[in-house]
Full PDB file with SEQRES, HELIX, SHEET, SSBOND, CRYST1, ORIGX, SCALE, CONECT and MASTER records, all heavy atoms in Angstrom:
SEQRES   1 A   31  GLU ASN LYS GLU VAL LYS ALA GLU LEU SER VAL ASP ASP          
SEQRES   2 A   31  LYS ASN SER ILE LEU SER LEU GLU LYS ARG LEU LYS LEU          
SEQRES   3 A   31  PHE ASN TRP SER ILE                                          
HELIX    1 AA1 VAL A   11  SER A   30  1                                  20    
CRYST1    1.000    1.000    1.000  90.00  90.00  90.00 P 1           1          
ORIGX1      1.000000  0.000000  0.000000        0.00000                         
ORIGX2      0.000000  1.000000  0.000000        0.00000                         
ORIGX3      0.000000  0.000000  1.000000        0.00000                         
SCALE1      1.000000  0.000000  0.000000        0.00000                         
SCALE2      0.000000  1.000000  0.000000        0.00000                         
SCALE3      0.000000  0.000000  1.000000        0.00000                         
ATOM      1  N   GLU A   1      -6.900  12.721  18.722  1.00  0.00           N  
ATOM      2  CA  GLU A   1      -5.868  12.788  19.754  1.00  0.00           C  
ATOM      3  C   GLU A   1      -5.195  11.436  19.960  1.00  0.00           C  
ATOM      4  O   GLU A   1      -3.988  11.352  20.118  1.00  0.00           O  
ATOM      5  CB  GLU A   1      -6.510  13.273  21.050  1.00  0.00           C  
ATOM      6  CG  GLU A   1      -5.530  13.732  22.085  1.00  0.00           C  
ATOM      7  CD  GLU A   1      -6.259  14.389  23.253  1.00  0.00           C  
ATOM      8  OE1 GLU A   1      -7.257  13.827  23.738  1.00  0.00           O  
ATOM      9  OE2 GLU A   1      -5.813  15.474  23.642  1.00  0.00           O  
ATOM     10  N   ASN A   2      -5.920  10.378  19.960  1.00  0.00           N  
ATOM     11  CA  ASN A   2      -5.370   9.057  20.244  1.00  0.00           C  
ATOM     12  C   ASN A   2      -5.126   8.247  18.971  1.00  0.00           C  
ATOM     13  O   ASN A   2      -4.890   7.057  19.046  1.00  0.00           O  
ATOM     14  CB  ASN A   2      -6.309   8.289  21.183  1.00  0.00           C  
ATOM     15  CG  ASN A   2      -6.410   8.967  22.534  1.00  0.00           C  
ATOM     16  OD1 ASN A   2      -5.437   9.557  23.005  1.00  0.00           O  
ATOM     17  ND2 ASN A   2      -7.587   8.906  23.152  1.00  0.00           N  
ATOM     18  N   LYS A   3      -5.199   8.878  17.841  1.00  0.00           N  
ATOM     19  CA  LYS A   3      -4.990   8.163  16.573  1.00  0.00           C  
ATOM     20  C   LYS A   3      -3.517   8.200  16.213  1.00  0.00           C  
ATOM     21  O   LYS A   3      -2.831   9.190  16.414  1.00  0.00           O  
ATOM     22  CB  LYS A   3      -5.784   8.824  15.441  1.00  0.00           C  
ATOM     23  CG  LYS A   3      -7.250   8.859  15.657  1.00  0.00           C  
ATOM     24  CD  LYS A   3      -7.869   7.559  15.270  1.00  0.00           C  
ATOM     25  CE  LYS A   3      -9.380   7.696  15.446  1.00  0.00           C  
ATOM     26  NZ  LYS A   3     -10.070   6.522  15.174  1.00  0.00           N  
ATOM     27  N   GLU A   4      -3.005   7.110  15.672  1.00  0.00           N  
ATOM     28  CA  GLU A   4      -1.635   7.056  15.180  1.00  0.00           C  
ATOM     29  C   GLU A   4      -1.680   6.979  13.665  1.00  0.00           C  
ATOM     30  O   GLU A   4      -2.464   6.240  13.101  1.00  0.00           O  
ATOM     31  CB  GLU A   4      -0.912   5.814  15.722  1.00  0.00           C  
ATOM     32  CG  GLU A   4      -0.528   5.910  17.164  1.00  0.00           C  
ATOM     33  CD  GLU A   4       0.290   4.707  17.607  1.00  0.00           C  
ATOM     34  OE1 GLU A   4       0.939   4.080  16.753  1.00  0.00           O  
ATOM     35  OE2 GLU A   4       0.262   4.407  18.795  1.00  0.00           O  
ATOM     36  N   VAL A   5      -0.813   7.734  13.068  1.00  0.00           N  
ATOM     37  CA  VAL A   5      -0.729   7.718  11.620  1.00  0.00           C  
ATOM     38  C   VAL A   5       0.587   7.030  11.262  1.00  0.00           C  
ATOM     39  O   VAL A   5       1.659   7.464  11.692  1.00  0.00           O  
ATOM     40  CB  VAL A   5      -0.758   9.154  11.049  1.00  0.00           C  
ATOM     41  CG1 VAL A   5      -0.601   9.130   9.546  1.00  0.00           C  
ATOM     42  CG2 VAL A   5      -2.038   9.843  11.449  1.00  0.00           C  
ATOM     43  N   LYS A   6       0.478   5.962  10.536  1.00  0.00           N  
ATOM     44  CA  LYS A   6       1.685   5.232  10.145  1.00  0.00           C  
ATOM     45  C   LYS A   6       1.989   5.544   8.693  1.00  0.00           C  
ATOM     46  O   LYS A   6       1.133   5.452   7.835  1.00  0.00           O  
ATOM     47  CB  LYS A   6       1.471   3.728  10.317  1.00  0.00           C  
ATOM     48  CG  LYS A   6       1.371   3.298  11.763  1.00  0.00           C  
ATOM     49  CD  LYS A   6       1.285   1.803  11.867  1.00  0.00           C  
ATOM     50  CE  LYS A   6       1.218   1.384  13.326  1.00  0.00           C  
ATOM     51  NZ  LYS A   6       1.166  -0.075  13.460  1.00  0.00           N  
ATOM     52  N   ALA A   7       3.224   5.917   8.482  1.00  0.00           N  
ATOM     53  CA  ALA A   7       3.674   6.185   7.120  1.00  0.00           C  
ATOM     54  C   ALA A   7       4.909   5.338   6.883  1.00  0.00           C  
ATOM     55  O   ALA A   7       5.943   5.540   7.503  1.00  0.00           O  
ATOM     56  CB  ALA A   7       3.994   7.660   6.952  1.00  0.00           C  
ATOM     57  N   GLU A   8       4.776   4.373   6.031  1.00  0.00           N  
ATOM     58  CA  GLU A   8       5.909   3.498   5.722  1.00  0.00           C  
ATOM     59  C   GLU A   8       6.257   3.662   4.255  1.00  0.00           C  
ATOM     60  O   GLU A   8       5.396   3.824   3.418  1.00  0.00           O  
ATOM     61  CB  GLU A   8       5.538   2.041   6.019  1.00  0.00           C  
ATOM     62  CG  GLU A   8       5.415   1.747   7.493  1.00  0.00           C  
ATOM     63  CD  GLU A   8       5.264   0.264   7.766  1.00  0.00           C  
ATOM     64  OE1 GLU A   8       5.707  -0.538   6.918  1.00  0.00           O  
ATOM     65  OE2 GLU A   8       4.688  -0.084   8.794  1.00  0.00           O  
ATOM     66  N   LEU A   9       7.552   3.631   4.026  1.00  0.00           N  
ATOM     67  CA  LEU A   9       8.037   3.736   2.654  1.00  0.00           C  
ATOM     68  C   LEU A   9       8.307   2.345   2.119  1.00  0.00           C  
ATOM     69  O   LEU A   9       8.759   1.453   2.851  1.00  0.00           O  
ATOM     70  CB  LEU A   9       9.323   4.566   2.618  1.00  0.00           C  
ATOM     71  CG  LEU A   9       9.205   6.020   3.049  1.00  0.00           C  
ATOM     72  CD1 LEU A   9      10.581   6.650   3.124  1.00  0.00           C  
ATOM     73  CD2 LEU A   9       8.339   6.783   2.081  1.00  0.00           C  
ATOM     74  N   SER A  10       8.094   2.195   0.837  1.00  0.00           N  
ATOM     75  CA  SER A  10       8.395   0.904   0.234  1.00  0.00           C  
ATOM     76  C   SER A  10       9.911   0.756   0.104  1.00  0.00           C  
ATOM     77  O   SER A  10      10.669   1.719   0.254  1.00  0.00           O  
ATOM     78  CB  SER A  10       7.731   0.801  -1.143  1.00  0.00           C  
ATOM     79  OG  SER A  10       8.343   1.713  -2.031  1.00  0.00           O  
ATOM     80  N   VAL A  11      10.357  -0.435  -0.157  1.00  0.00           N  
ATOM     81  CA  VAL A  11      11.788  -0.721  -0.281  1.00  0.00           C  
ATOM     82  C   VAL A  11      12.374   0.083  -1.448  1.00  0.00           C  
ATOM     83  O   VAL A  11      13.477   0.633  -1.341  1.00  0.00           O  
ATOM     84  CB  VAL A  11      12.016  -2.240  -0.470  1.00  0.00           C  
ATOM     85  CG1 VAL A  11      13.475  -2.553  -0.749  1.00  0.00           C  
ATOM     86  CG2 VAL A  11      11.516  -3.022   0.739  1.00  0.00           C  
ATOM     87  N   ASP A  12      11.638   0.196  -2.537  1.00  0.00           N  
ATOM     88  CA  ASP A  12      12.110   0.971  -3.691  1.00  0.00           C  
ATOM     89  C   ASP A  12      12.285   2.439  -3.325  1.00  0.00           C  
ATOM     90  O   ASP A  12      13.261   3.080  -3.730  1.00  0.00           O  
ATOM     91  CB  ASP A  12      11.130   0.846  -4.865  1.00  0.00           C  
ATOM     92  CG  ASP A  12      11.109  -0.549  -5.463  1.00  0.00           C  
ATOM     93  OD1 ASP A  12      12.105  -1.275  -5.278  1.00  0.00           O  
ATOM     94  OD2 ASP A  12      10.105  -0.891  -6.119  1.00  0.00           O  
ATOM     95  N   ASP A  13      11.316   2.971  -2.554  1.00  0.00           N  
ATOM     96  CA  ASP A  13      11.419   4.372  -2.142  1.00  0.00           C  
ATOM     97  C   ASP A  13      12.621   4.594  -1.234  1.00  0.00           C  
ATOM     98  O   ASP A  13      13.338   5.585  -1.347  1.00  0.00           O  
ATOM     99  CB  ASP A  13      10.139   4.820  -1.432  1.00  0.00           C  
ATOM    100  CG  ASP A  13       8.939   4.887  -2.374  1.00  0.00           C  
ATOM    101  OD1 ASP A  13       9.163   4.997  -3.602  1.00  0.00           O  
ATOM    102  OD2 ASP A  13       7.797   4.832  -1.876  1.00  0.00           O  
ATOM    103  N   LYS A  14      12.839   3.650  -0.308  1.00  0.00           N  
ATOM    104  CA  LYS A  14      13.993   3.754   0.588  1.00  0.00           C  
ATOM    105  C   LYS A  14      15.297   3.713  -0.207  1.00  0.00           C  
ATOM    106  O   LYS A  14      16.215   4.508   0.032  1.00  0.00           O  
ATOM    107  CB  LYS A  14      13.979   2.637   1.629  1.00  0.00           C  
ATOM    108  CG  LYS A  14      12.913   2.795   2.685  1.00  0.00           C  
ATOM    109  CD  LYS A  14      12.943   1.638   3.662  1.00  0.00           C  
ATOM    110  CE  LYS A  14      11.797   1.740   4.669  1.00  0.00           C  
ATOM    111  NZ  LYS A  14      11.777   0.586   5.581  1.00  0.00           N  
ATOM    112  N   ASN A  15      15.374   2.780  -1.159  1.00  0.00           N  
ATOM    113  CA  ASN A  15      16.581   2.678  -1.995  1.00  0.00           C  
ATOM    114  C   ASN A  15      16.779   3.938  -2.827  1.00  0.00           C  
ATOM    115  O   ASN A  15      17.902   4.397  -3.014  1.00  0.00           O  
ATOM    116  CB  ASN A  15      16.499   1.444  -2.899  1.00  0.00           C  
ATOM    117  CG  ASN A  15      16.631   0.150  -2.124  1.00  0.00           C  
ATOM    118  OD1 ASN A  15      17.183   0.137  -1.031  1.00  0.00           O  
ATOM    119  ND2 ASN A  15      16.106  -0.937  -2.673  1.00  0.00           N  
ATOM    120  N   SER A  16      15.670   4.483  -3.315  1.00  0.00           N  
ATOM    121  CA  SER A  16      15.744   5.716  -4.107  1.00  0.00           C  
ATOM    122  C   SER A  16      16.278   6.864  -3.253  1.00  0.00           C  
ATOM    123  O   SER A  16      17.118   7.651  -3.700  1.00  0.00           O  
ATOM    124  CB  SER A  16      14.358   6.043  -4.649  1.00  0.00           C  
ATOM    125  OG  SER A  16      14.375   7.255  -5.344  1.00  0.00           O  
ATOM    126  N   ILE A  17      15.809   6.956  -2.014  1.00  0.00           N  
ATOM    127  CA  ILE A  17      16.275   8.022  -1.115  1.00  0.00           C  
ATOM    128  C   ILE A  17      17.756   7.835  -0.795  1.00  0.00           C  
ATOM    129  O   ILE A  17      18.525   8.804  -0.796  1.00  0.00           O  
ATOM    130  CB  ILE A  17      15.415   8.059   0.171  1.00  0.00           C  
ATOM    131  CG1 ILE A  17      14.015   8.562  -0.166  1.00  0.00           C  
ATOM    132  CG2 ILE A  17      16.054   8.941   1.235  1.00  0.00           C  
ATOM    133  CD1 ILE A  17      13.032   8.457   0.968  1.00  0.00           C  
ATOM    134  N   LEU A  18      18.180   6.616  -0.539  1.00  0.00           N  
ATOM    135  CA  LEU A  18      19.606   6.346  -0.249  1.00  0.00           C  
ATOM    136  C   LEU A  18      20.472   6.674  -1.464  1.00  0.00           C  
ATOM    137  O   LEU A  18      21.563   7.248  -1.335  1.00  0.00           O  
ATOM    138  CB  LEU A  18      19.797   4.888   0.175  1.00  0.00           C  
ATOM    139  CG  LEU A  18      19.234   4.518   1.547  1.00  0.00           C  
ATOM    140  CD1 LEU A  18      19.357   3.004   1.780  1.00  0.00           C  
ATOM    141  CD2 LEU A  18      19.956   5.281   2.638  1.00  0.00           C  
ATOM    142  N   SER A  19      19.987   6.316  -2.642  1.00  0.00           N  
ATOM    143  CA  SER A  19      20.724   6.634  -3.874  1.00  0.00           C  
ATOM    144  C   SER A  19      20.849   8.138  -4.061  1.00  0.00           C  
ATOM    145  O   SER A  19      21.914   8.651  -4.415  1.00  0.00           O  
ATOM    146  CB  SER A  19      20.008   5.998  -5.068  1.00  0.00           C  
ATOM    147  OG  SER A  19      20.592   6.402  -6.276  1.00  0.00           O  
ATOM    148  N   LEU A  20      19.753   8.842  -3.805  1.00  0.00           N  
ATOM    149  CA  LEU A  20      19.776  10.299  -3.915  1.00  0.00           C  
ATOM    150  C   LEU A  20      20.754  10.901  -2.909  1.00  0.00           C  
ATOM    151  O   LEU A  20      21.498  11.835  -3.230  1.00  0.00           O  
ATOM    152  CB  LEU A  20      18.366  10.858  -3.684  1.00  0.00           C  
ATOM    153  CG  LEU A  20      18.218  12.371  -3.748  1.00  0.00           C  
ATOM    154  CD1 LEU A  20      18.583  12.876  -5.147  1.00  0.00           C  
ATOM    155  CD2 LEU A  20      16.821  12.787  -3.372  1.00  0.00           C  
ATOM    156  N   GLU A  21      20.786  10.360  -1.703  1.00  0.00           N  
ATOM    157  CA  GLU A  21      21.711  10.845  -0.673  1.00  0.00           C  
ATOM    158  C   GLU A  21      23.159  10.657  -1.120  1.00  0.00           C  
ATOM    159  O   GLU A  21      23.995  11.550  -0.957  1.00  0.00           O  
ATOM    160  CB  GLU A  21      21.448  10.097   0.635  1.00  0.00           C  
ATOM    161  CG  GLU A  21      22.230  10.620   1.824  1.00  0.00           C  
ATOM    162  CD  GLU A  21      21.882   9.871   3.101  1.00  0.00           C  
ATOM    163  OE1 GLU A  21      20.729   9.433   3.252  1.00  0.00           O  
ATOM    164  OE2 GLU A  21      22.785   9.729   3.931  1.00  0.00           O  
ATOM    165  N   LYS A  22      23.466   9.505  -1.716  1.00  0.00           N  
ATOM    166  CA  LYS A  22      24.830   9.252  -2.204  1.00  0.00           C  
ATOM    167  C   LYS A  22      25.195  10.215  -3.328  1.00  0.00           C  
ATOM    168  O   LYS A  22      26.305  10.739  -3.375  1.00  0.00           O  
ATOM    169  CB  LYS A  22      24.960   7.809  -2.699  1.00  0.00           C  
ATOM    170  CG  LYS A  22      24.959   6.792  -1.587  1.00  0.00           C  
ATOM    171  CD  LYS A  22      25.026   5.375  -2.127  1.00  0.00           C  
ATOM    172  CE  LYS A  22      24.911   4.352  -1.020  1.00  0.00           C  
ATOM    173  NZ  LYS A  22      24.876   2.972  -1.535  1.00  0.00           N  
ATOM    174  N   ARG A  23      24.237  10.460  -4.221  1.00  0.00           N  
ATOM    175  CA  ARG A  23      24.497  11.390  -5.322  1.00  0.00           C  
ATOM    176  C   ARG A  23      24.734  12.809  -4.803  1.00  0.00           C  
ATOM    177  O   ARG A  23      25.577  13.532  -5.315  1.00  0.00           O  
ATOM    178  CB  ARG A  23      23.318  11.404  -6.303  1.00  0.00           C  
ATOM    179  CG  ARG A  23      23.286  10.195  -7.181  1.00  0.00           C  
ATOM    180  CD  ARG A  23      22.255  10.362  -8.290  1.00  0.00           C  
ATOM    181  NE  ARG A  23      21.674   9.065  -8.563  1.00  0.00           N  
ATOM    182  CZ  ARG A  23      20.410   8.845  -8.821  1.00  0.00           C  
ATOM    183  NH1 ARG A  23      19.563   9.848  -8.844  1.00  0.00           N  
ATOM    184  NH2 ARG A  23      19.967   7.647  -9.054  1.00  0.00           N  
ATOM    185  N   LEU A  24      23.976  13.204  -3.791  1.00  0.00           N  
ATOM    186  CA  LEU A  24      24.166  14.538  -3.212  1.00  0.00           C  
ATOM    187  C   LEU A  24      25.540  14.666  -2.570  1.00  0.00           C  
ATOM    188  O   LEU A  24      26.188  15.712  -2.685  1.00  0.00           O  
ATOM    189  CB  LEU A  24      23.067  14.846  -2.186  1.00  0.00           C  
ATOM    190  CG  LEU A  24      21.695  15.169  -2.773  1.00  0.00           C  
ATOM    191  CD1 LEU A  24      20.674  15.342  -1.661  1.00  0.00           C  
ATOM    192  CD2 LEU A  24      21.752  16.410  -3.628  1.00  0.00           C  
ATOM    193  N   LYS A  25      26.008  13.620  -1.895  1.00  0.00           N  
ATOM    194  CA  LYS A  25      27.357  13.661  -1.312  1.00  0.00           C  
ATOM    195  C   LYS A  25      28.397  13.800  -2.420  1.00  0.00           C  
ATOM    196  O   LYS A  25      29.334  14.592  -2.314  1.00  0.00           O  
ATOM    197  CB  LYS A  25      27.630  12.405  -0.485  1.00  0.00           C  
ATOM    198  CG  LYS A  25      26.935  12.399   0.848  1.00  0.00           C  
ATOM    199  CD  LYS A  25      27.257  11.155   1.637  1.00  0.00           C  
ATOM    200  CE  LYS A  25      26.508  11.140   2.961  1.00  0.00           C  
ATOM    201  NZ  LYS A  25      26.757   9.904   3.714  1.00  0.00           N  
ATOM    202  N   LEU A  26      28.221  13.018  -3.490  1.00  0.00           N  
ATOM    203  CA  LEU A  26      29.144  13.100  -4.622  1.00  0.00           C  
ATOM    204  C   LEU A  26      29.092  14.486  -5.255  1.00  0.00           C  
ATOM    205  O   LEU A  26      30.126  15.064  -5.603  1.00  0.00           O  
ATOM    206  CB  LEU A  26      28.783  12.028  -5.659  1.00  0.00           C  
ATOM    207  CG  LEU A  26      29.655  11.981  -6.923  1.00  0.00           C  
ATOM    208  CD1 LEU A  26      31.091  11.617  -6.543  1.00  0.00           C  
ATOM    209  CD2 LEU A  26      29.106  10.973  -7.911  1.00  0.00           C  
ATOM    210  N   PHE A  27      27.894  15.033  -5.365  1.00  0.00           N  
ATOM    211  CA  PHE A  27      27.732  16.376  -5.930  1.00  0.00           C  
ATOM    212  C   PHE A  27      28.448  17.419  -5.069  1.00  0.00           C  
ATOM    213  O   PHE A  27      29.102  18.317  -5.590  1.00  0.00           O  
ATOM    214  CB  PHE A  27      26.236  16.707  -6.050  1.00  0.00           C  
ATOM    215  CG  PHE A  27      25.953  18.067  -6.599  1.00  0.00           C  
ATOM    216  CD1 PHE A  27      26.157  18.350  -7.939  1.00  0.00           C  
ATOM    217  CD2 PHE A  27      25.485  19.084  -5.764  1.00  0.00           C  
ATOM    218  CE1 PHE A  27      25.895  19.615  -8.452  1.00  0.00           C  
ATOM    219  CE2 PHE A  27      25.229  20.342  -6.263  1.00  0.00           C  
ATOM    220  CZ  PHE A  27      25.433  20.603  -7.610  1.00  0.00           C  
ATOM    221  N   ASN A  28      28.312  17.298  -3.742  1.00  0.00           N  
ATOM    222  CA  ASN A  28      28.998  18.229  -2.840  1.00  0.00           C  
ATOM    223  C   ASN A  28      30.506  18.151  -3.042  1.00  0.00           C  
ATOM    224  O   ASN A  28      31.188  19.176  -3.093  1.00  0.00           O  
ATOM    225  CB  ASN A  28      28.645  17.938  -1.381  1.00  0.00           C  
ATOM    226  CG  ASN A  28      27.252  18.410  -1.027  1.00  0.00           C  
ATOM    227  OD1 ASN A  28      26.683  19.227  -1.738  1.00  0.00           O  
ATOM    228  ND2 ASN A  28      26.693  17.888   0.049  1.00  0.00           N  
ATOM    229  N   TRP A  29      31.029  16.923  -3.122  1.00  0.00           N  
ATOM    230  CA  TRP A  29      32.482  16.780  -3.326  1.00  0.00           C  
ATOM    231  C   TRP A  29      32.891  17.320  -4.694  1.00  0.00           C  
ATOM    232  O   TRP A  29      33.973  17.884  -4.857  1.00  0.00           O  
ATOM    233  CB  TRP A  29      32.910  15.320  -3.168  1.00  0.00           C  
ATOM    234  CG  TRP A  29      32.969  14.921  -1.734  1.00  0.00           C  
ATOM    235  CD1 TRP A  29      32.112  14.105  -1.074  1.00  0.00           C  
ATOM    236  CD2 TRP A  29      33.919  15.365  -0.765  1.00  0.00           C  
ATOM    237  NE1 TRP A  29      32.456  14.000   0.249  1.00  0.00           N  
ATOM    238  CE2 TRP A  29      33.584  14.769   0.461  1.00  0.00           C  
ATOM    239  CE3 TRP A  29      35.020  16.208  -0.801  1.00  0.00           C  
ATOM    240  CZ2 TRP A  29      34.301  14.986   1.615  1.00  0.00           C  
ATOM    241  CZ3 TRP A  29      35.734  16.416   0.359  1.00  0.00           C  
ATOM    242  CH2 TRP A  29      35.382  15.823   1.554  1.00  0.00           C  
ATOM    243  N   SER A  30      32.020  17.149  -5.677  1.00  0.00           N  
ATOM    244  CA  SER A  30      32.317  17.691  -7.012  1.00  0.00           C  
ATOM    245  C   SER A  30      32.412  19.208  -6.965  1.00  0.00           C  
ATOM    246  O   SER A  30      33.288  19.806  -7.585  1.00  0.00           O  
ATOM    247  CB  SER A  30      31.232  17.279  -8.012  1.00  0.00           C  
ATOM    248  OG  SER A  30      31.173  15.888  -8.158  1.00  0.00           O  
ATOM    249  N   ILE A  31      31.519  19.818  -6.232  1.00  0.00           N  
ATOM    250  CA  ILE A  31      31.555  21.289  -6.116  1.00  0.00           C  
ATOM    251  C   ILE A  31      32.862  21.728  -5.465  1.00  0.00           C  
ATOM    252  O   ILE A  31      33.519  22.657  -5.930  1.00  0.00           O  
ATOM    253  CB  ILE A  31      30.330  21.803  -5.325  1.00  0.00           C  
ATOM    254  CG1 ILE A  31      29.082  21.667  -6.184  1.00  0.00           C  
ATOM    255  CG2 ILE A  31      30.519  23.249  -4.900  1.00  0.00           C  
ATOM    256  CD1 ILE A  31      27.801  22.070  -5.494  1.00  0.00           C  
TER     257      ILE A  31                                                      
MASTER        0    0    0    1    0    0    0    6  256    1    0    3          
END                                                                             
């Protein structure tokens, strides 16, 4: 109940997610 779970992403993972988000936006516009 009183435990906190911390989940942090590495910088590479964050950059990968941002890159994927940009590609998805481009893909949507392509469609």
